[in-house]
Amino acid sequence: MTAEEGASAPPDDRAKERDLAKTRPKTAPKPEGERIVRIALDAMGGDYAPAAIVEGAIQAARDFADVRITLVGIEDVVKEEMARHGASPETISIAHAEEVIAMDEQPAAAMRRKKNSSIHVGIKMVRDGEADAFISAGNTGAVMAVATVLLRTIDLIDRPAIAATMPSQRGYTVLLDAGANVVCKPENLFQFGIMGSIFAEHSLDKPRPTVGLLSIGEEDVKGNPTTKEAFDLFSQSSLNFIGNIEAKLFYRGIVDVVVCDGFTGNIALKISESVAEMITVFLKQMFSASLSSKIAYFLMKSHLADFKRKVDHQEVGGAPLLGVNGPVFISHGSSSPKSIKSAIIRARKFVQEDVIEHIRENLAENKDILAHKEAKEEGIWTQLTKKIGFGQTGQESKDE
């Protein structure tokens, strides 16, 4: 059906978009000097896959000429979805993956059992240098598990962390860990702070970002043993650490990076999403209650749209899994096309800014702090035996 024939019928929004797509150039002219970013996108992950994933990929490909997207999933299914959108950009390709890890599957079992899943194939592409980043709105636990096993963690990083970007009165604040690690040691929190600081600086354009440790009070002595010891590590570091912050200060944007364990962070994230949903419902009820309120809505429409944009998680799209040897982004399970496009934009900047290399550099600057922490935990006898060579194998002595 031609664009003219489609226009003569009563088209819905999707049909209009397909018709318009046929009149657009397939790809925008490539800007000179820009680094091409290759993104492997899990086409089978998420509540609305593959429809929302494919549509978001097409939108991003049309707007950014320096992006090459590979949709990873069951080839026939992905091709059929792409065909629904008419002429697709030439910068989108498909990588076949015959298995899908469902949202409700146990991550560890699925990782072992489904080694040809879209998550495995996409992360292998990053590992093997065939893609610069991987994005999935699928099973978060499976993405974390596969990424950690296949990509391994960066040197000096014990555990990866999810860095959620959240709105505040002063722009955006990075919260990590947002759910990867339920229980953390002090050095884990310190490592999270390093990674979050670099991410905020290079992906969110915050020069020398401030870092705060989420605790039950601002005073140095407040907190549990883990946060107190983490406070000491942060205080010795090269980070722009301003101390403890209370949860009530989070949305004021007092700091650029908020550090906590994954249990606390995930609860904070989910409560925030719930509050945002509640505010949206209240606003709808308020502006539909009477004729005067409807008139008020009409007068305030542009301001409300701006408010919605600031608090909409779709504007962020995805959270990076910081700490693994390759850019991996985790999107919300209910991601829309807009959210997927935003995740692609975020991953593009992450790669172009070489965030992982900057994390390695900052870890090297602070490695003495972690080494001192490790030495303290070993105990005096272990340190002595290391110094004088007791208990070493021949190979260990030779290596020294």
Protein backbone atom coordinates (compact mmCIF):
# COMPACT_ATOMS: atom_id res chain seq x y z
CA MET A 1 0.00 0.00 0.00
CA THR A 2 1.41 3.39 -0.95
CA ALA A 3 1.53 6.44 1.29
CA GLU A 4 -1.27 7.99 -0.76
CA GLU A 5 -3.51 4.95 -0.40
CA GLY A 6 -2.84 4.81 3.32
CA ALA A 7 -3.74 8.49 3.66
CA SER A 8 -7.11 7.96 2.00
CA ALA A 9 -8.15 5.36 4.58
CA PRO A 10 -8.94 6.32 8.19
CA PRO A 11 -5.44 5.63 9.58
CA ASP A 12 -4.54 5.26 13.24
CA ASP A 13 -1.42 6.85 14.67
CA ARG A 14 0.75 3.85 13.83
CA ALA A 15 -0.39 3.82 10.21
CA LYS A 16 0.35 7.54 9.92
CA GLU A 17 3.83 6.97 11.27
CA ARG A 18 4.46 4.16 8.77
CA ASP A 19 3.29 6.30 5.89
CA LEU A 20 5.47 9.20 6.95
CA ALA A 21 8.43 6.86 7.35
CA LYS A 22 8.29 5.95 3.67
CA THR A 23 8.84 9.57 2.68
CA ARG A 24 11.85 10.06 4.97
CA PRO A 25 15.45 9.23 4.11
CA LYS A 26 16.42 5.87 5.55
CA THR A 27 19.33 7.34 7.50
CA ALA A 28 20.41 10.86 8.28
CA PRO A 29 23.78 11.97 6.90
CA LYS A 30 26.60 10.86 9.18
CA PRO A 31 28.20 13.76 11.07
CA GLU A 32 31.93 14.08 10.39
CA GLY A 33 34.26 12.95 13.13
CA GLU A 34 31.60 11.25 15.27
CA ARG A 35 32.38 7.81 16.65
CA ILE A 36 30.02 5.13 15.38
CA VAL A 37 28.41 3.30 18.31
CA ARG A 38 27.27 -0.29 17.80
CA ILE A 39 24.45 -1.31 20.14
CA ALA A 40 23.10 -4.82 20.68
CA LEU A 41 19.47 -4.48 21.76
CA ASP A 42 17.53 -7.33 23.34
CA ALA A 43 14.43 -7.48 21.13
CA MET A 44 12.76 -10.14 23.28
CA GLY A 45 13.12 -8.53 26.72
CA GLY A 46 10.36 -6.56 28.43
CA ASP A 47 6.61 -6.62 28.94
CA TYR A 48 5.92 -5.16 25.49
CA ALA A 49 8.60 -6.92 23.46
CA PRO A 50 9.23 -7.11 20.62
CA ALA A 51 6.86 -4.31 19.48
CA ALA A 52 8.08 -1.56 21.83
CA ILE A 53 11.73 -2.55 21.41
CA VAL A 54 11.67 -2.52 17.62
CA GLU A 55 9.76 0.75 17.43
CA GLY A 56 12.16 2.43 19.86
CA ALA A 57 15.15 1.17 17.86
CA ILE A 58 13.71 2.55 14.62
CA GLN A 59 13.07 5.95 16.22
CA ALA A 60 16.65 6.13 17.53
CA ALA A 61 18.18 4.99 14.24
CA ARG A 62 16.34 7.69 12.31
CA ASP A 63 17.45 10.43 14.69
CA PHE A 64 21.07 9.42 15.24
CA ALA A 65 23.24 8.66 12.23
CA ASP A 66 26.19 7.58 14.37
CA VAL A 67 24.32 4.61 15.88
CA ARG A 68 24.23 1.07 14.48
CA ILE A 69 21.65 -1.16 16.17
CA THR A 70 21.50 -4.95 16.16
CA LEU A 71 18.18 -6.37 17.31
CA VAL A 72 18.92 -9.63 19.12
CA GLY A 73 16.13 -12.19 19.19
CA ILE A 74 14.13 -14.79 17.27
CA GLU A 75 14.80 -13.68 13.71
CA ASP A 76 11.40 -14.40 12.15
CA VAL A 77 9.56 -12.66 14.98
CA VAL A 78 11.80 -9.58 14.80
CA LYS A 79 11.56 -9.39 11.00
CA GLU A 80 7.78 -9.56 11.16
CA GLU A 81 7.67 -6.70 13.67
CA MET A 82 10.05 -4.59 11.59
CA ALA A 83 7.90 -5.15 8.50
CA ARG A 84 4.95 -3.58 10.31
CA HIS A 85 6.85 -0.29 10.33
CA GLY A 86 7.45 -0.17 6.60
CA ALA A 87 10.88 0.85 5.37
CA SER A 88 13.34 0.37 8.21
CA PRO A 89 16.66 2.22 8.52
CA GLU A 90 19.64 0.49 6.94
CA THR A 91 21.53 0.95 10.22
CA ILE A 92 19.42 -1.75 11.93
CA SER A 93 20.34 -5.43 11.61
CA ILE A 94 19.20 -8.66 13.31
CA ALA A 95 21.19 -11.27 15.25
CA HIS A 96 19.32 -14.53 15.73
CA ALA A 97 18.89 -15.89 19.27
CA GLU A 98 16.70 -18.96 19.51
CA GLU A 99 15.89 -18.75 23.24
CA VAL A 100 14.18 -16.20 25.48
CA ILE A 101 14.61 -15.81 29.25
CA ALA A 102 11.20 -14.97 30.68
CA MET A 103 10.73 -12.18 33.21
CA ASP A 104 9.73 -14.62 35.98
CA GLU A 105 12.52 -17.18 35.51
CA GLN A 106 15.16 -17.71 38.18
CA PRO A 107 18.26 -15.89 36.86
CA ALA A 108 20.88 -18.48 37.88
CA ALA A 109 18.92 -21.43 36.45
CA ALA A 110 18.02 -19.56 33.24
CA MET A 111 21.66 -18.51 32.74
CA ARG A 112 22.81 -22.13 32.86
CA ARG A 113 19.93 -23.60 30.89
CA LYS A 114 19.41 -21.04 28.11
CA LYS A 115 22.84 -20.26 26.74
CA ASN A 116 21.43 -19.25 23.35
CA SER A 117 19.09 -16.62 24.81
CA SER A 118 18.90 -13.08 23.47
CA ILE A 119 20.65 -11.91 26.66
CA HIS A 120 23.55 -14.32 26.18
CA VAL A 121 23.96 -13.55 22.47
CA GLY A 122 23.84 -9.77 22.99
CA ILE A 123 26.36 -9.75 25.85
CA LYS A 124 28.66 -12.09 23.92
CA MET A 125 28.63 -9.52 21.12
CA VAL A 126 30.01 -6.96 23.57
CA ARG A 127 32.58 -9.43 24.92
CA ASP A 128 33.75 -10.38 21.43
CA GLY A 129 33.99 -6.79 20.18
CA GLU A 130 31.02 -7.05 17.83
CA ALA A 131 29.02 -4.45 19.78
CA ASP A 132 29.99 -1.50 21.97
CA ALA A 133 27.02 -1.79 24.37
CA PHE A 134 24.11 -4.06 25.28
CA ILE A 135 20.62 -2.94 26.34
CA SER A 136 17.82 -5.11 27.75
CA ALA A 137 14.42 -4.50 29.32
CA GLY A 138 14.22 -8.19 30.17
CA ASN A 139 14.96 -10.21 33.30
CA THR A 140 17.21 -7.92 35.37
CA GLY A 141 18.73 -10.73 37.42
CA ALA A 142 19.60 -12.69 34.29
CA VAL A 143 21.22 -9.66 32.64
CA MET A 144 23.33 -9.06 35.75
CA ALA A 145 24.32 -12.72 36.07
CA VAL A 146 25.24 -13.23 32.41
CA ALA A 147 27.10 -9.90 32.20
CA THR A 148 29.13 -10.70 35.32
CA VAL A 149 30.06 -14.18 34.09
CA LEU A 150 30.81 -13.33 30.45
CA LEU A 151 32.33 -9.88 30.84
CA ARG A 152 33.82 -10.23 34.34
CA THR A 153 34.24 -7.28 36.65
CA ILE A 154 36.72 -4.45 36.24
CA ASP A 155 39.95 -4.87 38.23
CA LEU A 156 39.51 -3.62 41.83
CA ILE A 157 35.71 -3.93 41.57
CA ASP A 158 34.24 -6.77 43.63
CA ARG A 159 30.60 -6.37 42.59
CA PRO A 160 28.78 -4.49 39.83
CA ALA A 161 26.07 -1.99 40.76
CA ILE A 162 22.98 -0.57 39.05
CA ALA A 163 23.17 3.23 38.73
CA ALA A 164 19.66 4.72 38.54
CA THR A 165 19.32 8.31 37.34
CA MET A 166 16.56 10.09 39.22
CA PRO A 167 15.12 13.63 38.95
CA SER A 168 15.81 16.24 41.61
CA GLN A 169 15.31 19.96 42.14
CA ARG A 170 18.72 20.56 40.55
CA GLY A 171 18.51 18.25 37.55
CA TYR A 172 19.39 14.60 38.08
CA THR A 173 20.91 12.54 40.89
CA VAL A 174 22.57 9.14 40.48
CA LEU A 175 21.52 6.47 43.00
CA LEU A 176 23.59 3.31 43.36
CA ASP A 177 23.28 0.53 44.08
CA ALA A 178 19.66 0.34 42.93
CA GLY A 179 19.23 -3.39 43.44
CA ALA A 180 22.18 -5.55 42.41
CA ASN A 181 23.62 -6.18 45.89
CA VAL A 182 21.35 -6.76 48.87
CA VAL A 183 24.23 -6.93 51.38
CA CYS A 184 27.38 -4.85 50.96
CA LYS A 185 30.75 -4.41 52.64
CA PRO A 186 32.20 -0.93 53.23
CA GLU A 187 34.62 -1.32 50.32
CA ASN A 188 31.70 -2.18 48.02
CA LEU A 189 30.03 1.11 48.89
CA PHE A 190 33.31 2.93 48.27
CA GLN A 191 33.65 1.29 44.86
CA PHE A 192 30.05 2.27 44.04
CA GLY A 193 30.92 5.87 44.88
CA ILE A 194 33.87 5.87 42.48
CA MET A 195 31.80 4.40 39.64
CA GLY A 196 28.82 6.66 40.28
CA SER A 197 31.02 9.75 40.36
CA ILE A 198 32.61 8.95 37.00
CA PHE A 199 29.24 8.13 35.46
CA ALA A 200 27.75 11.43 36.68
CA GLU A 201 30.72 13.40 35.39
CA HIS A 202 30.93 11.95 31.91
CA SER A 203 27.36 10.84 31.15
CA LEU A 204 25.40 13.55 32.96
CA ASP A 205 27.91 16.38 32.41
CA LYS A 206 28.47 17.13 36.11
CA PRO A 207 32.03 18.40 36.63
CA ARG A 208 33.58 17.05 39.84
CA PRO A 209 30.28 15.62 41.10
CA THR A 210 29.51 15.61 44.81
CA VAL A 211 29.06 12.22 46.51
CA GLY A 212 26.97 11.49 49.60
CA LEU A 213 26.47 8.34 51.67
CA LEU A 214 22.83 7.58 52.43
CA SER A 215 22.40 7.21 56.18
CA ILE A 216 19.98 7.86 59.05
CA GLY A 217 21.60 11.18 59.92
CA GLU A 218 24.05 13.73 58.56
CA GLU A 219 26.47 13.47 61.49
CA ASP A 220 29.65 11.43 61.01
CA VAL A 221 28.74 9.09 63.86
CA LYS A 222 25.32 8.15 62.44
CA GLY A 223 24.69 4.89 60.61
CA ASN A 224 25.39 1.19 60.98
CA PRO A 225 28.92 -0.28 61.16
CA THR A 226 29.06 -0.70 57.38
CA THR A 227 28.20 2.91 56.55
CA LYS A 228 30.49 4.22 59.30
CA GLU A 229 33.46 2.32 57.91
CA ALA A 230 32.53 3.32 54.35
CA PHE A 231 32.47 6.94 55.55
CA ASP A 232 36.13 6.61 56.60
CA LEU A 233 37.09 5.20 53.19
CA PHE A 234 35.32 8.00 51.34
CA SER A 235 36.95 10.61 53.58
CA GLN A 236 40.44 9.43 52.53
CA SER A 237 39.65 9.33 48.80
CA SER A 238 40.05 11.73 45.88
CA LEU A 239 36.26 11.88 45.43
CA ASN A 240 34.29 15.05 46.14
CA PHE A 241 32.71 13.46 49.22
CA ILE A 242 30.50 15.72 51.34
CA GLY A 243 29.51 13.17 54.01
CA ASN A 244 26.27 11.50 55.04
CA ILE A 245 22.92 12.61 53.68
CA GLU A 246 19.44 11.78 54.93
CA ALA A 247 16.77 10.44 52.58
CA LYS A 248 14.69 13.62 53.00
CA LEU A 249 17.43 15.55 51.18
CA PHE A 250 17.56 13.24 48.16
CA TYR A 251 15.18 15.10 45.86
CA ARG A 252 16.62 18.48 46.77
CA GLY A 253 19.65 17.56 44.69
CA ILE A 254 22.06 18.27 47.55
CA VAL A 255 24.51 15.79 46.03
CA ASP A 256 25.03 14.44 42.50
CA VAL A 257 25.66 10.83 43.58
CA VAL A 258 23.96 8.97 46.44
CA VAL A 259 25.57 5.70 47.58
CA CYS A 260 23.81 2.89 49.45
CA ASP A 261 23.43 -0.89 49.42
CA GLY A 262 21.15 -2.46 46.82
CA PHE A 263 18.44 -3.39 49.32
CA THR A 264 18.02 0.22 50.48
CA GLY A 265 18.45 1.61 46.96
CA ASN A 266 15.84 -0.61 45.39
CA ILE A 267 13.28 0.25 48.04
CA ALA A 268 14.01 3.97 47.57
CA LEU A 269 13.62 3.57 43.80
CA LYS A 270 10.33 1.67 43.99
CA ILE A 271 8.83 4.05 46.57
CA SER A 272 9.79 6.97 44.33
CA GLU A 273 8.04 5.36 41.36
CA SER A 274 4.95 4.80 43.50
CA VAL A 275 4.90 8.41 44.71
CA ALA A 276 5.24 9.69 41.14
CA GLU A 277 2.32 7.49 40.07
CA MET A 278 0.22 8.73 43.00
CA ILE A 279 0.92 12.39 42.15
CA THR A 280 -0.11 11.74 38.54
CA VAL A 281 -3.40 10.19 39.65
CA PHE A 282 -4.11 13.06 42.05
CA LEU A 283 -3.43 15.65 39.34
CA LYS A 284 -5.78 13.89 36.90
CA GLN A 285 -8.51 13.76 39.53
CA MET A 286 -8.01 17.39 40.46
CA PHE A 287 -8.09 18.74 36.90
CA SER A 288 -11.15 16.68 35.89
CA ALA A 289 -13.25 17.46 38.97
CA SER A 290 -15.13 20.47 37.59
CA LEU A 291 -15.41 22.93 34.72
CA SER A 292 -13.17 25.44 36.48
CA SER A 293 -10.49 22.82 37.08
CA LYS A 294 -10.62 21.83 33.40
CA ILE A 295 -10.11 25.47 32.43
CA ALA A 296 -7.21 25.63 34.91
CA TYR A 297 -5.68 22.56 33.25
CA PHE A 298 -5.93 24.21 29.83
CA LEU A 299 -4.12 27.30 31.16
CA MET A 300 -1.42 25.22 32.85
CA LYS A 301 -1.05 22.55 30.16
CA SER A 302 2.45 23.55 29.03
CA HIS A 303 3.74 23.75 32.61
CA LEU A 304 2.27 20.34 33.44
CA ALA A 305 3.90 18.86 30.34
CA ASP A 306 7.24 20.21 31.52
CA PHE A 307 6.63 18.73 34.98
CA LYS A 308 5.79 15.35 33.47
CA ARG A 309 8.95 15.40 31.36
CA LYS A 310 11.11 16.05 34.43
CA VAL A 311 9.72 13.14 36.46
CA ASP A 312 9.11 10.66 33.61
CA HIS A 313 11.43 7.63 33.84
CA GLN A 314 11.06 7.22 30.08
CA GLU A 315 13.29 10.26 29.62
CA VAL A 316 16.15 8.29 31.20
CA GLY A 317 15.40 4.95 29.56
CA GLY A 318 17.90 2.69 31.25
CA ALA A 319 20.39 2.32 34.10
CA PRO A 320 23.96 1.17 33.48
CA LEU A 321 25.30 -1.90 35.25
CA LEU A 322 28.56 -0.32 36.40
CA GLY A 323 31.55 -2.48 37.23
CA VAL A 324 31.56 -5.02 34.40
CA ASN A 325 34.02 -4.93 31.49
CA GLY A 326 31.58 -3.59 28.94
CA PRO A 327 28.65 -1.15 28.75
CA VAL A 328 25.45 -2.94 29.81
CA PHE A 329 22.17 -1.06 30.35
CA ILE A 330 19.09 -2.35 32.13
CA SER A 331 15.75 -0.79 31.14
CA HIS A 332 12.44 -0.93 32.96
CA GLY A 333 10.39 -4.05 32.24
CA SER A 334 7.46 -1.92 31.09
CA SER A 335 9.61 0.14 28.71
CA SER A 336 7.80 1.96 25.93
CA PRO A 337 9.35 2.86 22.53
CA LYS A 338 10.24 6.27 23.97
CA SER A 339 12.03 4.62 26.90
CA ILE A 340 14.00 2.31 24.60
CA LYS A 341 15.04 5.25 22.44
CA SER A 342 16.19 7.12 25.57
CA ALA A 343 18.21 4.08 26.68
CA ILE A 344 19.93 3.97 23.29
CA ILE A 345 20.78 7.67 23.57
CA ARG A 346 22.18 7.10 27.07
CA ALA A 347 24.26 4.10 25.97
CA ARG A 348 25.56 6.08 22.97
CA LYS A 349 26.93 8.85 25.20
CA PHE A 350 28.32 6.32 27.69
CA VAL A 351 30.37 4.68 24.94
CA GLN A 352 31.47 7.92 23.28
CA GLU A 353 32.64 9.30 26.64
CA ASP A 354 34.57 6.07 27.36
CA VAL A 355 33.13 5.90 30.88
CA ILE A 356 34.58 2.47 31.72
CA GLU A 357 38.13 3.61 31.01
CA HIS A 358 37.62 6.67 33.24
CA ILE A 359 36.37 4.35 36.01
CA ARG A 360 39.58 2.30 35.71
CA GLU A 361 41.68 5.46 35.99
CA ASN A 362 39.86 6.64 39.13
CA LEU A 363 40.12 3.22 40.74
CA ALA A 364 43.87 3.32 40.17
CA GLU A 365 44.01 6.71 41.93
CA ASN A 366 42.30 5.25 44.99
CA LYS A 367 43.72 1.72 45.03
CA ASP A 368 45.93 2.41 48.07
CA ILE A 369 42.83 2.98 50.21
CA LEU A 370 41.37 -0.40 49.27
CA ALA A 371 44.75 -2.11 49.64
CA HIS A 372 45.08 -0.68 53.16
CA LYS A 373 41.55 -1.86 53.97
CA GLU A 374 42.37 -5.37 52.75
CA ALA A 375 45.59 -5.47 54.75
CA LYS A 376 43.74 -4.45 57.95
CA GLU A 377 41.25 -7.29 57.48
CA GLU A 378 43.98 -9.90 56.97
CA GLY A 379 45.32 -9.52 60.50
CA ILE A 380 48.84 -9.08 61.83
CA TRP A 381 49.95 -12.74 61.53
CA THR A 382 48.88 -13.00 57.85
CA GLN A 383 50.71 -9.76 57.03
CA LEU A 384 53.86 -10.95 58.77
CA THR A 385 53.89 -14.32 57.03
CA LYS A 386 53.50 -12.57 53.69
CA LYS A 387 56.44 -10.26 54.42
CA ILE A 388 58.85 -13.01 55.49
CA GLY A 389 57.61 -15.65 53.04
CA PHE A 390 56.05 -18.22 55.39
CA GLY A 391 53.32 -20.35 53.87
CA GLN A 392 54.12 -19.40 50.27
CA THR A 393 54.35 -21.88 47.45
CA GLY A 394 57.43 -22.01 45.30
CA GLN A 395 55.59 -20.38 42.44
CA GLU A 396 54.41 -17.47 44.66
CA SER A 397 57.99 -16.83 45.84
CA LYS A 398 59.20 -16.94 42.27
CA ASP A 399 56.55 -14.45 41.17
CA GLU A 400 57.67 -12.00 43.87
